[in-house]
Amino acid sequence: MDNLNRVVGSISQPAKGKSASSKKMKWREIEQIRDKFQLEKELKIYEDSLEYMLEDF
């Protein structure tokens, strides 16, 4: 009976490792998306300047 109580108790408690690592993974995904948008902005600036240069020739 003691083993049964331990199993039931462990099932009812939330897993600490999963939620923490899940949150970290979500933040990493968010940071990757931010970096991607920042890179796209920077590339757009260079792309626009290159178009102006090509129009001159």
Protein backbone atom coordinates (compact mmCIF):
# COMPACT_ATOMS: atom_id res chain seq x y z
CA MET A 1 0.00 0.00 0.00
CA ASP A 2 2.88 2.37 0.72
CA ASN A 3 4.23 1.86 -2.81
CA LEU A 4 0.82 2.62 -4.24
CA ASN A 5 0.65 5.90 -2.31
CA ARG A 6 4.09 6.90 -3.63
CA VAL A 7 3.06 6.21 -7.21
CA VAL A 8 -0.20 8.12 -6.85
CA GLY A 9 1.64 11.00 -5.19
CA SER A 10 4.25 11.18 -7.91
CA ILE A 11 1.61 11.18 -10.64
CA SER A 12 -0.37 14.00 -9.07
CA GLN A 13 2.70 16.26 -8.69
CA PRO A 14 3.71 18.29 -11.74
CA ALA A 15 7.04 17.43 -13.30
CA LYS A 16 9.52 20.15 -12.44
CA GLY A 17 12.09 19.41 -15.12
CA LYS A 18 9.70 19.34 -18.04
CA SER A 19 8.05 22.68 -17.41
CA ALA A 20 11.34 24.47 -16.84
CA SER A 21 12.96 23.03 -19.94
CA SER A 22 9.78 23.67 -21.93
CA LYS A 23 9.83 27.33 -20.90
CA LYS A 24 13.49 27.60 -21.89
CA MET A 25 12.74 26.05 -25.28
CA LYS A 26 9.90 28.52 -25.85
CA TRP A 27 12.13 31.47 -24.96
CA ARG A 28 14.82 30.15 -27.31
CA GLU A 29 12.24 29.93 -30.08
CA ILE A 30 11.10 33.49 -29.36
CA GLU A 31 14.69 34.75 -29.42
CA GLN A 32 15.31 32.95 -32.72
CA ILE A 33 12.23 34.58 -34.23
CA ARG A 34 13.36 38.00 -32.99
CA ASP A 35 16.82 37.45 -34.44
CA LYS A 36 15.30 36.39 -37.75
CA PHE A 37 13.16 39.54 -37.95
CA GLN A 38 16.13 41.71 -37.01
CA LEU A 39 18.25 40.08 -39.71
CA GLU A 40 15.48 40.56 -42.27
CA LYS A 41 15.29 44.26 -41.35
CA GLU A 42 19.02 44.69 -41.75
CA LEU A 43 19.06 42.86 -45.06
CA LYS A 44 16.16 44.97 -46.32
CA ILE A 45 18.19 48.13 -45.65
CA TYR A 46 21.11 46.77 -47.66
CA GLU A 47 18.82 45.50 -50.40
CA ASP A 48 17.26 48.93 -50.81
CA SER A 49 20.65 50.63 -51.00
CA LEU A 50 21.83 48.13 -53.61
CA GLU A 51 18.76 48.84 -55.73
CA TYR A 52 19.59 52.55 -55.72
CA MET A 53 23.15 51.78 -56.75
CA LEU A 54 21.97 49.62 -59.64
CA GLU A 55 19.57 52.30 -60.84
CA ASP A 56 22.49 54.71 -61.24
CA PHE A 57 24.19 52.37 -63.69
